[in-house]
Amino acid sequence: MTEPAAPDGVDNPQLALQRVLETLGQRFPDVDRTELEERVHATYNRLAAEATVDSHLVAVTEKQVTEDLRRTGETVHVRSEAEPSDSADL
């Protein structure tokens, strides 16, 4: 996941956080979407409040939320090569 970077970080952090939510939603399909949104935004806001440099806040947010979910026992869904892809239906 890459977003255009501005001198002060990501140009559109909300778009980048939306992509993080989509990624985490795929990795943790058993976690309620609202809970994911709350975790992602709370983590991002906490990190942003303490950061002196914000160019990696979105990536750090994704990593932190992933670690928190794993620590609480959530199962990570990893797509295997045996699973059909969405494009196979086209």
PDB file of N, CA and C in Angstrom:
ATOM      1  N   MET A   1       0.846  -1.161   0.000  1.00  0.00           N
ATOM      2  CA  MET A   1       0.000   0.000   0.000  1.00  0.00           C
ATOM      3  C   MET A   1       0.895   1.228   0.000  1.00  0.00           C
ATOM      4  N   THR A   2       0.761   2.010  -1.033  1.00  0.00           N
ATOM      5  CA  THR A   2       1.501   3.267  -1.076  1.00  0.00           C
ATOM      6  C   THR A   2       0.555   4.382  -1.436  1.00  0.00           C
ATOM      7  N   GLU A   3       0.752   5.496  -0.821  1.00  0.00           N
ATOM      8  CA  GLU A   3      -0.014   6.701  -1.089  1.00  0.00           C
ATOM      9  C   GLU A   3       0.982   7.788  -1.445  1.00  0.00           C
ATOM     10  N   PRO A   4       0.590   8.713  -2.298  1.00  0.00           N
ATOM     11  CA  PRO A   4       1.494   9.820  -2.594  1.00  0.00           C
ATOM     12  C   PRO A   4       1.878  10.536  -1.305  1.00  0.00           C
ATOM     13  N   ALA A   5       3.146  10.860  -1.194  1.00  0.00           N
ATOM     14  CA  ALA A   5       3.617  11.515   0.028  1.00  0.00           C
ATOM     15  C   ALA A   5       3.768  13.007  -0.205  1.00  0.00           C
ATOM     16  N   ALA A   6       3.313  13.748   0.739  1.00  0.00           N
ATOM     17  CA  ALA A   6       3.511  15.191   0.760  1.00  0.00           C
ATOM     18  C   ALA A   6       4.699  15.450   1.673  1.00  0.00           C
ATOM     19  N   PRO A   7       5.206  16.669   1.711  1.00  0.00           N
ATOM     20  CA  PRO A   7       6.336  16.949   2.606  1.00  0.00           C
ATOM     21  C   PRO A   7       6.049  16.597   4.063  1.00  0.00           C
ATOM     22  N   ASP A   8       4.773  16.653   4.453  1.00  0.00           N
ATOM     23  CA  ASP A   8       4.431  16.374   5.840  1.00  0.00           C
ATOM     24  C   ASP A   8       3.784  15.002   6.015  1.00  0.00           C
ATOM     25  N   GLY A   9       3.952  14.105   5.047  1.00  0.00           N
ATOM     26  CA  GLY A   9       3.398  12.754   5.168  1.00  0.00           C
ATOM     27  C   GLY A   9       2.497  12.403   4.013  1.00  0.00           C
ATOM     28  N   VAL A  10       1.541  11.552   4.256  1.00  0.00           N
ATOM     29  CA  VAL A  10       0.620  11.084   3.234  1.00  0.00           C
ATOM     30  C   VAL A  10      -0.327  12.215   2.837  1.00  0.00           C
ATOM     31  N   ASP A  11      -0.576  12.359   1.529  1.00  0.00           N
ATOM     32  CA  ASP A  11      -1.486  13.408   1.042  1.00  0.00           C
ATOM     33  C   ASP A  11      -2.894  13.250   1.582  1.00  0.00           C
ATOM     34  N   ASN A  12      -3.389  12.023   1.634  1.00  0.00           N
ATOM     35  CA  ASN A  12      -4.756  11.788   2.062  1.00  0.00           C
ATOM     36  C   ASN A  12      -4.781  10.656   3.083  1.00  0.00           C
ATOM     37  N   PRO A  13      -4.517  10.960   4.353  1.00  0.00           N
ATOM     38  CA  PRO A  13      -4.463   9.892   5.356  1.00  0.00           C
ATOM     39  C   PRO A  13      -5.792   9.154   5.511  1.00  0.00           C
ATOM     40  N   GLN A  14      -6.919   9.825   5.275  1.00  0.00           N
ATOM     41  CA  GLN A  14      -8.204   9.134   5.412  1.00  0.00           C
ATOM     42  C   GLN A  14      -8.364   8.060   4.348  1.00  0.00           C
ATOM     43  N   LEU A  15      -7.935   8.341   3.119  1.00  0.00           N
ATOM     44  CA  LEU A  15      -7.961   7.336   2.055  1.00  0.00           C
ATOM     45  C   LEU A  15      -7.010   6.190   2.396  1.00  0.00           C
ATOM     46  N   ALA A  16      -5.838   6.523   2.889  1.00  0.00           N
ATOM     47  CA  ALA A  16      -4.870   5.497   3.270  1.00  0.00           C
ATOM     48  C   ALA A  16      -5.416   4.641   4.414  1.00  0.00           C
ATOM     49  N   LEU A  17      -6.077   5.252   5.381  1.00  0.00           N
ATOM     50  CA  LEU A  17      -6.661   4.482   6.492  1.00  0.00           C
ATOM     51  C   LEU A  17      -7.805   3.604   5.995  1.00  0.00           C
ATOM     52  N   GLN A  18      -8.547   4.057   5.002  1.00  0.00           N
ATOM     53  CA  GLN A  18      -9.612   3.230   4.420  1.00  0.00           C
ATOM     54  C   GLN A  18      -9.011   1.975   3.796  1.00  0.00           C
ATOM     55  N   ARG A  19      -7.879   2.122   3.144  1.00  0.00           N
ATOM     56  CA  ARG A  19      -7.193   0.964   2.550  1.00  0.00           C
ATOM     57  C   ARG A  19      -6.673   0.023   3.633  1.00  0.00           C
ATOM     58  N   VAL A  20      -6.207   0.581   4.730  1.00  0.00           N
ATOM     59  CA  VAL A  20      -5.786  -0.242   5.863  1.00  0.00           C
ATOM     60  C   VAL A  20      -6.975  -1.045   6.381  1.00  0.00           C
ATOM     61  N   LEU A  21      -8.130  -0.398   6.494  1.00  0.00           N
ATOM     62  CA  LEU A  21      -9.341  -1.097   6.955  1.00  0.00           C
ATOM     63  C   LEU A  21      -9.707  -2.244   6.017  1.00  0.00           C
ATOM     64  N   GLU A  22      -9.604  -2.021   4.720  1.00  0.00           N
ATOM     65  CA  GLU A  22      -9.910  -3.072   3.752  1.00  0.00           C
ATOM     66  C   GLU A  22      -8.942  -4.244   3.910  1.00  0.00           C
ATOM     67  N   THR A  23      -7.674  -3.930   4.057  1.00  0.00           N
ATOM     68  CA  THR A  23      -6.664  -4.978   4.227  1.00  0.00           C
ATOM     69  C   THR A  23      -6.892  -5.761   5.513  1.00  0.00           C
ATOM     70  N   LEU A  24      -7.104  -5.051   6.616  1.00  0.00           N
ATOM     71  CA  LEU A  24      -7.332  -5.727   7.892  1.00  0.00           C
ATOM     72  C   LEU A  24      -8.638  -6.510   7.878  1.00  0.00           C
ATOM     73  N   GLY A  25      -9.638  -6.010   7.177  1.00  0.00           N
ATOM     74  CA  GLY A  25     -10.896  -6.729   7.052  1.00  0.00           C
ATOM     75  C   GLY A  25     -10.719  -8.071   6.359  1.00  0.00           C
ATOM     76  N   GLN A  26      -9.813  -8.127   5.393  1.00  0.00           N
ATOM     77  CA  GLN A  26      -9.510  -9.391   4.711  1.00  0.00           C
ATOM     78  C   GLN A  26      -8.678 -10.313   5.593  1.00  0.00           C
ATOM     79  N   ARG A  27      -7.753  -9.747   6.317  1.00  0.00           N
ATOM     80  CA  ARG A  27      -6.892 -10.560   7.183  1.00  0.00           C
ATOM     81  C   ARG A  27      -7.604 -11.064   8.430  1.00  0.00           C
ATOM     82  N   PHE A  28      -8.567 -10.272   8.896  1.00  0.00           N
ATOM     83  CA  PHE A  28      -9.304 -10.614  10.117  1.00  0.00           C
ATOM     84  C   PHE A  28     -10.814 -10.576   9.831  1.00  0.00           C
ATOM     85  N   PRO A  29     -11.302 -11.526   9.031  1.00  0.00           N
ATOM     86  CA  PRO A  29     -12.713 -11.486   8.630  1.00  0.00           C
ATOM     87  C   PRO A  29     -13.692 -11.703   9.783  1.00  0.00           C
ATOM     88  N   ASP A  30     -13.239 -12.247  10.893  1.00  0.00           N
ATOM     89  CA  ASP A  30     -14.123 -12.496  12.027  1.00  0.00           C
ATOM     90  C   ASP A  30     -14.286 -11.284  12.941  1.00  0.00           C
ATOM     91  N   VAL A  31     -13.498 -10.250  12.702  1.00  0.00           N
ATOM     92  CA  VAL A  31     -13.576  -9.045  13.531  1.00  0.00           C
ATOM     93  C   VAL A  31     -14.610  -8.107  12.914  1.00  0.00           C
ATOM     94  N   ASP A  32     -15.504  -7.610  13.753  1.00  0.00           N
ATOM     95  CA  ASP A  32     -16.542  -6.686  13.329  1.00  0.00           C
ATOM     96  C   ASP A  32     -15.929  -5.449  12.675  1.00  0.00           C
ATOM     97  N   ARG A  33     -16.484  -5.029  11.569  1.00  0.00           N
ATOM     98  CA  ARG A  33     -15.963  -3.885  10.812  1.00  0.00           C
ATOM     99  C   ARG A  33     -15.930  -2.613  11.670  1.00  0.00           C
ATOM    100  N   THR A  34     -16.958  -2.407  12.470  1.00  0.00           N
ATOM    101  CA  THR A  34     -16.995  -1.230  13.339  1.00  0.00           C
ATOM    102  C   THR A  34     -15.849  -1.257  14.335  1.00  0.00           C
ATOM    103  N   GLU A  35     -15.569  -2.432  14.888  1.00  0.00           N
ATOM    104  CA  GLU A  35     -14.447  -2.570  15.820  1.00  0.00           C
ATOM    105  C   GLU A  35     -13.129  -2.261  15.115  1.00  0.00           C
ATOM    106  N   LEU A  36     -12.961  -2.761  13.895  1.00  0.00           N
ATOM    107  CA  LEU A  36     -11.738  -2.470  13.140  1.00  0.00           C
ATOM    108  C   LEU A  36     -11.591  -0.963  12.918  1.00  0.00           C
ATOM    109  N   GLU A  37     -12.681  -0.326  12.506  1.00  0.00           N
ATOM    110  CA  GLU A  37     -12.636   1.118  12.267  1.00  0.00           C
ATOM    111  C   GLU A  37     -12.241   1.867  13.536  1.00  0.00           C
ATOM    112  N   GLU A  38     -12.836   1.489  14.657  1.00  0.00           N
ATOM    113  CA  GLU A  38     -12.514   2.151  15.920  1.00  0.00           C
ATOM    114  C   GLU A  38     -11.051   1.942  16.288  1.00  0.00           C
ATOM    115  N   ARG A  39     -10.570   0.714  16.136  1.00  0.00           N
ATOM    116  CA  ARG A  39      -9.167   0.421  16.470  1.00  0.00           C
ATOM    117  C   ARG A  39      -8.213   1.211  15.579  1.00  0.00           C
ATOM    118  N   VAL A  40      -8.482   1.203  14.281  1.00  0.00           N
ATOM    119  CA  VAL A  40      -7.591   1.883  13.336  1.00  0.00           C
ATOM    120  C   VAL A  40      -7.564   3.387  13.619  1.00  0.00           C
ATOM    121  N   HIS A  41      -8.725   3.998  13.757  1.00  0.00           N
ATOM    122  CA  HIS A  41      -8.760   5.445  13.966  1.00  0.00           C
ATOM    123  C   HIS A  41      -8.205   5.840  15.335  1.00  0.00           C
ATOM    124  N   ALA A  42      -8.500   5.068  16.355  1.00  0.00           N
ATOM    125  CA  ALA A  42      -7.968   5.372  17.685  1.00  0.00           C
ATOM    126  C   ALA A  42      -6.444   5.230  17.696  1.00  0.00           C
ATOM    127  N   THR A  43      -5.940   4.184  17.057  1.00  0.00           N
ATOM    128  CA  THR A  43      -4.487   3.979  17.013  1.00  0.00           C
ATOM    129  C   THR A  43      -3.818   5.092  16.222  1.00  0.00           C
ATOM    130  N   TYR A  44      -4.371   5.422  15.053  1.00  0.00           N
ATOM    131  CA  TYR A  44      -3.805   6.497  14.230  1.00  0.00           C
ATOM    132  C   TYR A  44      -3.798   7.819  15.001  1.00  0.00           C
ATOM    133  N   ASN A  45      -4.914   8.145  15.637  1.00  0.00           N
ATOM    134  CA  ASN A  45      -5.002   9.408  16.375  1.00  0.00           C
ATOM    135  C   ASN A  45      -4.022   9.452  17.537  1.00  0.00           C
ATOM    136  N   ARG A  46      -3.868   8.320  18.242  1.00  0.00           N
ATOM    137  CA  ARG A  46      -2.918   8.268  19.360  1.00  0.00           C
ATOM    138  C   ARG A  46      -1.498   8.468  18.849  1.00  0.00           C
ATOM    139  N   LEU A  47      -1.146   7.773  17.771  1.00  0.00           N
ATOM    140  CA  LEU A  47       0.197   7.899  17.209  1.00  0.00           C
ATOM    141  C   LEU A  47       0.439   9.316  16.678  1.00  0.00           C
ATOM    142  N   ALA A  48      -0.562   9.876  15.998  1.00  0.00           N
ATOM    143  CA  ALA A  48      -0.418  11.216  15.424  1.00  0.00           C
ATOM    144  C   ALA A  48      -0.222  12.272  16.511  1.00  0.00           C
ATOM    145  N   ALA A  49      -0.879  12.082  17.637  1.00  0.00           N
ATOM    146  CA  ALA A  49      -0.763  13.046  18.734  1.00  0.00           C
ATOM    147  C   ALA A  49       0.638  13.061  19.327  1.00  0.00           C
ATOM    148  N   GLU A  50       1.332  11.948  19.232  1.00  0.00           N
ATOM    149  CA  GLU A  50       2.668  11.827  19.823  1.00  0.00           C
ATOM    150  C   GLU A  50       3.792  11.976  18.807  1.00  0.00           C
ATOM    151  N   ALA A  51       3.469  11.971  17.510  1.00  0.00           N
ATOM    152  CA  ALA A  51       4.487  11.927  16.460  1.00  0.00           C
ATOM    153  C   ALA A  51       5.112  13.286  16.197  1.00  0.00           C
ATOM    154  N   THR A  52       6.400  13.264  15.922  1.00  0.00           N
ATOM    155  CA  THR A  52       7.064  14.463  15.434  1.00  0.00           C
ATOM    156  C   THR A  52       7.234  14.386  13.917  1.00  0.00           C
ATOM    157  N   VAL A  53       7.187  13.172  13.383  1.00  0.00           N
ATOM    158  CA  VAL A  53       7.232  12.923  11.947  1.00  0.00           C
ATOM    159  C   VAL A  53       6.044  12.021  11.632  1.00  0.00           C
ATOM    160  N   ASP A  54       5.278  12.379  10.587  1.00  0.00           N
ATOM    161  CA  ASP A  54       4.073  11.598  10.326  1.00  0.00           C
ATOM    162  C   ASP A  54       4.087  10.818   9.015  1.00  0.00           C
ATOM    163  N   SER A  55       5.235  10.731   8.364  1.00  0.00           N
ATOM    164  CA  SER A  55       5.284  10.087   7.059  1.00  0.00           C
ATOM    165  C   SER A  55       4.983   8.591   7.094  1.00  0.00           C
ATOM    166  N   HIS A  56       5.127   7.935   8.230  1.00  0.00           N
ATOM    167  CA  HIS A  56       4.884   6.494   8.315  1.00  0.00           C
ATOM    168  C   HIS A  56       3.737   6.138   9.255  1.00  0.00           C
ATOM    169  N   LEU A  57       2.943   7.109   9.624  1.00  0.00           N
ATOM    170  CA  LEU A  57       1.879   6.855  10.608  1.00  0.00           C
ATOM    171  C   LEU A  57       0.880   5.803  10.152  1.00  0.00           C
ATOM    172  N   VAL A  58       0.518   5.808   8.880  1.00  0.00           N
ATOM    173  CA  VAL A  58      -0.468   4.837   8.388  1.00  0.00           C
ATOM    174  C   VAL A  58       0.107   3.429   8.471  1.00  0.00           C
ATOM    175  N   ALA A  59       1.344   3.249   8.038  1.00  0.00           N
ATOM    176  CA  ALA A  59       1.975   1.926   8.091  1.00  0.00           C
ATOM    177  C   ALA A  59       2.143   1.453   9.530  1.00  0.00           C
ATOM    178  N   VAL A  60       2.547   2.350  10.410  1.00  0.00           N
ATOM    179  CA  VAL A  60       2.711   1.988  11.818  1.00  0.00           C
ATOM    180  C   VAL A  60       1.348   1.659  12.432  1.00  0.00           C
ATOM    181  N   THR A  61       0.329   2.392  12.030  1.00  0.00           N
ATOM    182  CA  THR A  61      -1.022   2.110  12.514  1.00  0.00           C
ATOM    183  C   THR A  61      -1.443   0.698  12.122  1.00  0.00           C
ATOM    184  N   GLU A  62      -1.253   0.341  10.859  1.00  0.00           N
ATOM    185  CA  GLU A  62      -1.619  -1.006  10.403  1.00  0.00           C
ATOM    186  C   GLU A  62      -0.870  -2.080  11.195  1.00  0.00           C
ATOM    187  N   LYS A  63       0.412  -1.886  11.374  1.00  0.00           N
ATOM    188  CA  LYS A  63       1.222  -2.855  12.129  1.00  0.00           C
ATOM    189  C   LYS A  63       0.745  -2.965  13.570  1.00  0.00           C
ATOM    190  N   GLN A  64       0.484  -1.831  14.211  1.00  0.00           N
ATOM    191  CA  GLN A  64       0.065  -1.827  15.616  1.00  0.00           C
ATOM    192  C   GLN A  64      -1.284  -2.517  15.787  1.00  0.00           C
ATOM    193  N   VAL A  65      -2.247  -2.209  14.911  1.00  0.00           N
ATOM    194  CA  VAL A  65      -3.568  -2.835  15.015  1.00  0.00           C
ATOM    195  C   VAL A  65      -3.458  -4.335  14.757  1.00  0.00           C
ATOM    196  N   THR A  66      -2.656  -4.734  13.783  1.00  0.00           N
ATOM    197  CA  THR A  66      -2.448  -6.165  13.503  1.00  0.00           C
ATOM    198  C   THR A  66      -1.883  -6.866  14.731  1.00  0.00           C
ATOM    199  N   GLU A  67      -0.864  -6.279  15.349  1.00  0.00           N
ATOM    200  CA  GLU A  67      -0.271  -6.869  16.549  1.00  0.00           C
ATOM    201  C   GLU A  67      -1.276  -6.944  17.693  1.00  0.00           C
ATOM    202  N   ASP A  68      -2.065  -5.894  17.855  1.00  0.00           N
ATOM    203  CA  ASP A  68      -3.077  -5.883  18.925  1.00  0.00           C
ATOM    204  C   ASP A  68      -4.118  -6.980  18.699  1.00  0.00           C
ATOM    205  N   LEU A  69      -4.569  -7.138  17.467  1.00  0.00           N
ATOM    206  CA  LEU A  69      -5.564  -8.174  17.163  1.00  0.00           C
ATOM    207  C   LEU A  69      -4.989  -9.572  17.401  1.00  0.00           C
ATOM    208  N   ARG A  70      -3.765  -9.789  16.978  1.00  0.00           N
ATOM    209  CA  ARG A  70      -3.121 -11.096  17.217  1.00  0.00           C
ATOM    210  C   ARG A  70      -2.960 -11.362  18.705  1.00  0.00           C
ATOM    211  N   ARG A  71      -2.560 -10.331  19.435  1.00  0.00           N
ATOM    212  CA  ARG A  71      -2.343 -10.464  20.871  1.00  0.00           C
ATOM    213  C   ARG A  71      -3.640 -10.833  21.600  1.00  0.00           C
ATOM    214  N   THR A  72      -4.772 -10.347  21.083  1.00  0.00           N
ATOM    215  CA  THR A  72      -6.053 -10.661  21.715  1.00  0.00           C
ATOM    216  C   THR A  72      -6.639 -11.976  21.221  1.00  0.00           C
ATOM    217  N   GLY A  73      -5.880 -12.691  20.381  1.00  0.00           N
ATOM    218  CA  GLY A  73      -6.297 -14.027  19.968  1.00  0.00           C
ATOM    219  C   GLY A  73      -7.079 -14.107  18.675  1.00  0.00           C
ATOM    220  N   GLU A  74      -7.174 -13.006  17.941  1.00  0.00           N
ATOM    221  CA  GLU A  74      -7.886 -13.044  16.663  1.00  0.00           C
ATOM    222  C   GLU A  74      -7.087 -13.862  15.648  1.00  0.00           C
ATOM    223  N   THR A  75      -7.795 -14.607  14.842  1.00  0.00           N
ATOM    224  CA  THR A  75      -7.172 -15.459  13.832  1.00  0.00           C
ATOM    225  C   THR A  75      -6.928 -14.659  12.562  1.00  0.00           C
ATOM    226  N   VAL A  76      -5.713 -14.779  12.051  1.00  0.00           N
ATOM    227  CA  VAL A  76      -5.351 -14.106  10.808  1.00  0.00           C
ATOM    228  C   VAL A  76      -5.683 -15.043   9.659  1.00  0.00           C
ATOM    229  N   HIS A  77      -6.439 -14.531   8.697  1.00  0.00           N
ATOM    230  CA  HIS A  77      -6.772 -15.303   7.513  1.00  0.00           C
ATOM    231  C   HIS A  77      -5.750 -14.958   6.440  1.00  0.00           C
ATOM    232  N   VAL A  78      -5.013 -15.973   5.999  1.00  0.00           N
ATOM    233  CA  VAL A  78      -4.026 -15.776   4.951  1.00  0.00           C
ATOM    234  C   VAL A  78      -4.521 -16.510   3.724  1.00  0.00           C
ATOM    235  N   ARG A  79      -4.661 -15.793   2.642  1.00  0.00           N
ATOM    236  CA  ARG A  79      -5.150 -16.388   1.400  1.00  0.00           C
ATOM    237  C   ARG A  79      -4.107 -17.348   0.853  1.00  0.00           C
ATOM    238  N   SER A  80      -4.529 -18.567   0.574  1.00  0.00           N
ATOM    239  CA  SER A  80      -3.598 -19.540   0.027  1.00  0.00           C
ATOM    240  C   SER A  80      -3.699 -19.530  -1.486  1.00  0.00           C
ATOM    241  N   GLU A  81      -2.699 -20.102  -2.132  1.00  0.00           N
ATOM    242  CA  GLU A  81      -2.702 -20.156  -3.592  1.00  0.00           C
ATOM    243  C   GLU A  81      -3.806 -21.067  -4.103  1.00  0.00           C
ATOM    244  N   ALA A  82      -4.316 -21.971  -3.270  1.00  0.00           N
ATOM    245  CA  ALA A  82      -5.359 -22.900  -3.680  1.00  0.00           C
ATOM    246  C   ALA A  82      -6.729 -22.233  -3.737  1.00  0.00           C
ATOM    247  N   GLU A  83      -6.882 -21.078  -3.061  1.00  0.00           N
ATOM    248  CA  GLU A  83      -8.162 -20.392  -3.054  1.00  0.00           C
ATOM    249  C   GLU A  83      -8.374 -19.684  -4.382  1.00  0.00           C
ATOM    250  N   PRO A  84      -9.594 -19.726  -4.910  1.00  0.00           N
ATOM    251  CA  PRO A  84      -9.856 -19.015  -6.169  1.00  0.00           C
ATOM    252  C   PRO A  84      -9.796 -17.520  -5.953  1.00  0.00           C
ATOM    253  N   SER A  85      -9.287 -16.811  -6.929  1.00  0.00           N
ATOM    254  CA  SER A  85      -9.239 -15.359  -6.816  1.00  0.00           C
ATOM    255  C   SER A  85     -10.529 -14.770  -7.347  1.00  0.00           C
ATOM    256  N   ASP A  86     -10.778 -13.527  -6.995  1.00  0.00           N
ATOM    257  CA  ASP A  86     -11.979 -12.838  -7.450  1.00  0.00           C
ATOM    258  C   ASP A  86     -11.996 -12.695  -8.963  1.00  0.00           C
ATOM    259  N   SER A  87     -10.830 -12.553  -9.567  1.00  0.00           N
ATOM    260  CA  SER A  87     -10.767 -12.356 -11.004  1.00  0.00           C
ATOM    261  C   SER A  87     -11.043 -13.630 -11.794  1.00  0.00           C
ATOM    262  N   ALA A  88     -11.044 -14.786 -11.131  1.00  0.00           N
ATOM    263  CA  ALA A  88     -11.303 -16.037 -11.828  1.00  0.00           C
ATOM    264  C   ALA A  88     -12.748 -16.133 -12.298  1.00  0.00           C
ATOM    265  N   ASP A  89     -13.635 -15.344 -11.685  1.00  0.00           N
ATOM    266  CA  ASP A  89     -15.047 -15.387 -12.066  1.00  0.00           C
ATOM    267  C   ASP A  89     -15.355 -14.570 -13.301  1.00  0.00           C
ATOM    268  N   LEU A  90     -14.401 -13.798 -13.774  1.00  0.00           N
ATOM    269  CA  LEU A  90     -14.646 -12.919 -14.925  1.00  0.00           C
ATOM    270  C   LEU A  90     -14.656 -13.648 -16.211  1.00  0.00           C
TER     271      LEU A  90
END
